[in-house]
Amino acid sequence: KEANKLFLFPDGAKCQVENANAFAVDTQGRPTTAEGNIQAMYRFHCDGAKSARIDKLGLRFGDQVPGLEKLTLQATTEKGEVAQELSPANGDVTL
């Protein structure tokens, strides 16, 4: 719910959440109200991006989502796509 606490942008990036959507899915990727995986999509707008290059991103989901063991990240940037598996101990991504 509080994406600004999950994502750490470089100083000066001035990023704000434009859209956040998260829901539980079953093993086939269908939405469910039972236990399952969490699928989330976030979109940010960064006003300071021209003066502060965003070449890395920190994800601090361990504090915000207790019990989460791993996270599969898929991101699209101007340079292309990034895919990485993250854990609470290793949540830094180079873009």
N, C-alpha and C. Protein backbone atom coordinates (compact mmCIF):
# COMPACT_ATOMS: atom_id res chain seq x y z
N LYS A 1 0.81 -1.20 0.00
CA LYS A 1 0.00 0.00 0.00
C LYS A 1 0.85 1.26 0.00
N GLU A 2 2.03 1.18 0.58
CA GLU A 2 2.89 2.36 0.66
C GLU A 2 4.14 2.12 -0.18
N ALA A 3 4.00 2.28 -1.48
CA ALA A 3 5.09 1.99 -2.40
C ALA A 3 6.31 2.85 -2.14
N ASN A 4 6.11 4.06 -1.61
CA ASN A 4 7.25 4.94 -1.35
C ASN A 4 8.14 4.40 -0.24
N LYS A 5 7.67 3.43 0.55
CA LYS A 5 8.50 2.79 1.57
C LYS A 5 9.16 1.52 1.04
N LEU A 6 8.67 1.01 -0.06
CA LEU A 6 9.23 -0.21 -0.66
C LEU A 6 10.41 0.09 -1.57
N PHE A 7 10.36 1.21 -2.27
CA PHE A 7 11.35 1.54 -3.29
C PHE A 7 12.22 2.70 -2.84
N LEU A 8 13.53 2.54 -3.00
CA LEU A 8 14.48 3.61 -2.69
C LEU A 8 15.15 4.06 -3.98
N PHE A 9 14.89 5.31 -4.36
CA PHE A 9 15.47 5.88 -5.57
C PHE A 9 16.70 6.70 -5.21
N PRO A 10 17.60 6.95 -6.17
CA PRO A 10 18.76 7.80 -5.90
C PRO A 10 18.33 9.19 -5.43
N ASP A 11 19.16 9.83 -4.63
CA ASP A 11 18.88 11.18 -4.16
C ASP A 11 18.64 12.10 -5.34
N GLY A 12 17.67 12.98 -5.21
CA GLY A 12 17.37 13.96 -6.25
C GLY A 12 16.43 13.47 -7.33
N ALA A 13 16.03 12.20 -7.30
CA ALA A 13 15.16 11.67 -8.36
C ALA A 13 13.73 12.18 -8.25
N LYS A 14 13.26 12.51 -7.05
CA LYS A 14 11.92 13.07 -6.83
C LYS A 14 10.83 12.21 -7.47
N CYS A 15 10.80 10.93 -7.12
CA CYS A 15 9.84 10.00 -7.70
C CYS A 15 8.58 9.88 -6.86
N GLN A 16 7.44 9.92 -7.53
CA GLN A 16 6.14 9.77 -6.89
C GLN A 16 5.38 8.62 -7.54
N VAL A 17 4.59 7.92 -6.76
CA VAL A 17 3.79 6.81 -7.27
C VAL A 17 2.67 7.36 -8.15
N GLU A 18 2.59 6.86 -9.37
CA GLU A 18 1.47 7.19 -10.26
C GLU A 18 0.37 6.15 -10.16
N ASN A 19 0.78 4.88 -9.99
CA ASN A 19 -0.19 3.80 -9.95
C ASN A 19 0.41 2.64 -9.16
N ALA A 20 -0.39 2.03 -8.30
CA ALA A 20 0.05 0.85 -7.55
C ALA A 20 -1.11 -0.14 -7.51
N ASN A 21 -0.80 -1.39 -7.81
CA ASN A 21 -1.83 -2.42 -7.84
C ASN A 21 -1.21 -3.73 -7.38
N ALA A 22 -1.78 -4.34 -6.35
CA ALA A 22 -1.27 -5.61 -5.84
C ALA A 22 -2.45 -6.53 -5.50
N PHE A 23 -2.28 -7.82 -5.79
CA PHE A 23 -3.34 -8.79 -5.49
C PHE A 23 -2.73 -10.18 -5.41
N ALA A 24 -3.44 -11.10 -4.76
CA ALA A 24 -2.99 -12.49 -4.64
C ALA A 24 -3.41 -13.28 -5.88
N VAL A 25 -2.52 -14.18 -6.32
CA VAL A 25 -2.82 -15.05 -7.45
C VAL A 25 -2.51 -16.50 -7.08
N ASP A 26 -3.22 -17.43 -7.70
CA ASP A 26 -2.95 -18.84 -7.46
C ASP A 26 -1.76 -19.29 -8.32
N THR A 27 -1.45 -20.57 -8.32
CA THR A 27 -0.29 -21.07 -9.05
C THR A 27 -0.42 -20.93 -10.56
N GLN A 28 -1.64 -20.71 -11.07
CA GLN A 28 -1.84 -20.48 -12.51
C GLN A 28 -1.91 -18.99 -12.85
N GLY A 29 -1.70 -18.12 -11.85
CA GLY A 29 -1.72 -16.69 -12.09
C GLY A 29 -3.09 -16.05 -12.07
N ARG A 30 -4.10 -16.80 -11.63
CA ARG A 30 -5.46 -16.26 -11.55
C ARG A 30 -5.67 -15.60 -10.19
N PRO A 31 -6.35 -14.43 -10.16
CA PRO A 31 -6.63 -13.79 -8.87
C PRO A 31 -7.37 -14.73 -7.92
N THR A 32 -7.02 -14.64 -6.63
CA THR A 32 -7.63 -15.51 -5.64
C THR A 32 -7.76 -14.76 -4.32
N THR A 33 -8.65 -15.23 -3.47
CA THR A 33 -8.76 -14.67 -2.12
C THR A 33 -8.09 -15.60 -1.11
N ALA A 34 -7.66 -16.76 -1.57
CA ALA A 34 -6.95 -17.71 -0.71
C ALA A 34 -5.46 -17.35 -0.69
N GLU A 35 -4.68 -18.13 0.05
CA GLU A 35 -3.24 -17.91 0.07
C GLU A 35 -2.66 -18.17 -1.31
N GLY A 36 -1.65 -17.44 -1.65
CA GLY A 36 -1.02 -17.62 -2.94
C GLY A 36 0.14 -16.67 -3.09
N ASN A 37 0.52 -16.44 -4.30
CA ASN A 37 1.58 -15.48 -4.61
C ASN A 37 0.99 -14.09 -4.70
N ILE A 38 1.82 -13.09 -4.51
CA ILE A 38 1.38 -11.71 -4.66
C ILE A 38 1.90 -11.20 -6.00
N GLN A 39 1.02 -10.62 -6.77
CA GLN A 39 1.43 -9.98 -8.02
C GLN A 39 1.19 -8.49 -7.84
N ALA A 40 2.21 -7.69 -8.12
CA ALA A 40 2.09 -6.25 -7.93
C ALA A 40 2.71 -5.51 -9.10
N MET A 41 2.11 -4.38 -9.42
CA MET A 41 2.63 -3.53 -10.49
C MET A 41 2.64 -2.09 -9.97
N TYR A 42 3.77 -1.42 -10.18
CA TYR A 42 3.94 -0.04 -9.73
C TYR A 42 4.41 0.81 -10.89
N ARG A 43 3.91 2.04 -10.93
CA ARG A 43 4.37 3.00 -11.94
C ARG A 43 4.72 4.29 -11.20
N PHE A 44 5.93 4.81 -11.47
CA PHE A 44 6.41 6.02 -10.83
C PHE A 44 6.67 7.09 -11.88
N HIS A 45 6.53 8.34 -11.47
CA HIS A 45 6.94 9.48 -12.28
C HIS A 45 8.03 10.21 -11.50
N CYS A 46 9.16 10.47 -12.13
CA CYS A 46 10.30 11.07 -11.45
C CYS A 46 10.61 12.43 -12.07
N ASP A 47 10.30 13.50 -11.35
CA ASP A 47 10.53 14.86 -11.84
C ASP A 47 12.00 15.21 -11.93
N GLY A 48 12.80 14.72 -11.01
CA GLY A 48 14.21 15.07 -10.99
C GLY A 48 15.07 14.14 -11.81
N ALA A 49 14.46 13.29 -12.62
CA ALA A 49 15.22 12.26 -13.34
C ALA A 49 16.28 12.84 -14.27
N LYS A 50 16.06 14.04 -14.82
CA LYS A 50 17.05 14.62 -15.74
C LYS A 50 18.32 15.02 -14.99
N SER A 51 18.15 15.48 -13.75
CA SER A 51 19.33 15.90 -12.99
C SER A 51 19.89 14.78 -12.13
N ALA A 52 19.11 13.76 -11.85
CA ALA A 52 19.57 12.63 -11.03
C ALA A 52 19.34 11.35 -11.81
N ARG A 53 20.39 10.80 -12.34
CA ARG A 53 20.29 9.58 -13.14
C ARG A 53 19.82 8.42 -12.28
N ILE A 54 18.83 7.71 -12.75
CA ILE A 54 18.31 6.55 -12.02
C ILE A 54 18.93 5.31 -12.64
N ASP A 55 20.04 4.88 -12.06
CA ASP A 55 20.73 3.71 -12.58
C ASP A 55 20.70 2.54 -11.61
N LYS A 56 20.10 2.77 -10.44
CA LYS A 56 19.90 1.68 -9.49
C LYS A 56 18.67 1.97 -8.65
N LEU A 57 18.17 0.92 -8.04
CA LEU A 57 16.93 0.99 -7.28
C LEU A 57 17.06 0.04 -6.10
N GLY A 58 16.61 0.48 -4.96
CA GLY A 58 16.61 -0.39 -3.78
C GLY A 58 15.19 -0.80 -3.45
N LEU A 59 14.98 -2.08 -3.19
CA LEU A 59 13.68 -2.58 -2.77
C LEU A 59 13.80 -3.08 -1.35
N ARG A 60 13.00 -2.53 -0.46
CA ARG A 60 13.05 -2.87 0.96
C ARG A 60 11.74 -3.53 1.38
N PHE A 61 11.44 -4.65 0.75
CA PHE A 61 10.17 -5.32 1.02
C PHE A 61 10.19 -6.15 2.29
N GLY A 62 11.36 -6.48 2.83
CA GLY A 62 11.45 -7.29 4.05
C GLY A 62 10.76 -6.63 5.23
N ASP A 63 10.88 -5.30 5.34
CA ASP A 63 10.24 -4.57 6.44
C ASP A 63 8.75 -4.39 6.21
N GLN A 64 8.34 -4.22 4.97
CA GLN A 64 6.95 -3.91 4.64
C GLN A 64 6.08 -5.14 4.44
N VAL A 65 6.68 -6.26 4.05
CA VAL A 65 5.92 -7.49 3.80
C VAL A 65 6.60 -8.63 4.56
N PRO A 66 6.39 -8.71 5.88
CA PRO A 66 7.03 -9.75 6.68
C PRO A 66 6.67 -11.15 6.16
N GLY A 67 7.65 -12.04 6.16
CA GLY A 67 7.41 -13.41 5.72
C GLY A 67 7.65 -13.63 4.24
N LEU A 68 7.84 -12.56 3.49
CA LEU A 68 8.11 -12.70 2.06
C LEU A 68 9.52 -13.23 1.87
N GLU A 69 9.66 -14.34 1.16
CA GLU A 69 10.95 -15.01 1.00
C GLU A 69 11.73 -14.56 -0.22
N LYS A 70 11.04 -14.36 -1.32
CA LYS A 70 11.72 -13.94 -2.54
C LYS A 70 10.79 -13.12 -3.39
N LEU A 71 11.40 -12.38 -4.30
CA LEU A 71 10.66 -11.51 -5.19
C LEU A 71 11.26 -11.64 -6.57
N THR A 72 10.43 -11.86 -7.57
CA THR A 72 10.89 -11.88 -8.94
C THR A 72 10.56 -10.53 -9.55
N LEU A 73 11.60 -9.80 -9.91
CA LEU A 73 11.44 -8.45 -10.45
C LEU A 73 11.53 -8.48 -11.96
N GLN A 74 10.59 -7.79 -12.61
CA GLN A 74 10.65 -7.55 -14.04
C GLN A 74 10.42 -6.06 -14.22
N ALA A 75 11.37 -5.37 -14.83
CA ALA A 75 11.27 -3.93 -15.04
C ALA A 75 11.62 -3.59 -16.47
N THR A 76 10.98 -2.53 -16.97
CA THR A 76 11.27 -2.03 -18.30
C THR A 76 11.81 -0.62 -18.17
N THR A 77 12.95 -0.36 -18.79
CA THR A 77 13.57 0.96 -18.77
C THR A 77 13.88 1.38 -20.20
N GLU A 78 14.44 2.57 -20.36
CA GLU A 78 14.85 3.03 -21.69
C GLU A 78 15.90 2.12 -22.29
N LYS A 79 16.71 1.48 -21.45
CA LYS A 79 17.78 0.59 -21.91
C LYS A 79 17.28 -0.80 -22.27
N GLY A 80 16.07 -1.15 -21.84
CA GLY A 80 15.53 -2.49 -22.11
C GLY A 80 14.91 -3.08 -20.86
N GLU A 81 14.80 -4.38 -20.84
CA GLU A 81 14.15 -5.07 -19.73
C GLU A 81 15.18 -5.63 -18.75
N VAL A 82 14.78 -5.68 -17.48
CA VAL A 82 15.61 -6.23 -16.41
C VAL A 82 14.78 -7.29 -15.70
N ALA A 83 15.37 -8.45 -15.45
CA ALA A 83 14.71 -9.51 -14.68
C ALA A 83 15.71 -9.99 -13.64
N GLN A 84 15.24 -10.10 -12.39
CA GLN A 84 16.13 -10.48 -11.30
C GLN A 84 15.32 -11.06 -10.16
N GLU A 85 15.88 -12.05 -9.47
CA GLU A 85 15.25 -12.59 -8.26
C GLU A 85 15.89 -11.92 -7.06
N LEU A 86 15.06 -11.37 -6.17
CA LEU A 86 15.54 -10.64 -5.02
C LEU A 86 15.11 -11.34 -3.73
N SER A 87 15.80 -11.03 -2.64
CA SER A 87 15.44 -11.53 -1.32
C SER A 87 15.48 -10.35 -0.35
N PRO A 88 14.95 -10.53 0.87
CA PRO A 88 15.03 -9.43 1.83
C PRO A 88 16.48 -8.98 2.11
N ALA A 89 17.44 -9.89 2.03
CA ALA A 89 18.84 -9.55 2.27
C ALA A 89 19.50 -8.91 1.05
N ASN A 90 18.94 -9.14 -0.14
CA ASN A 90 19.53 -8.61 -1.38
C ASN A 90 18.42 -7.98 -2.22
N GLY A 91 18.17 -6.71 -2.01
CA GLY A 91 17.09 -6.03 -2.71
C GLY A 91 17.55 -4.89 -3.59
N ASP A 92 18.83 -4.89 -3.99
CA ASP A 92 19.34 -3.82 -4.84
C ASP A 92 19.38 -4.26 -6.29
N VAL A 93 18.93 -3.37 -7.18
CA VAL A 93 18.84 -3.66 -8.60
C VAL A 93 19.62 -2.59 -9.37
N THR A 94 20.44 -3.03 -10.30
CA THR A 94 21.13 -2.11 -11.20
C THR A 94 20.33 -2.05 -12.50
N LEU A 95 19.98 -0.85 -12.90
CA LEU A 95 19.17 -0.66 -14.12
C LEU A 95 20.03 -0.29 -15.31
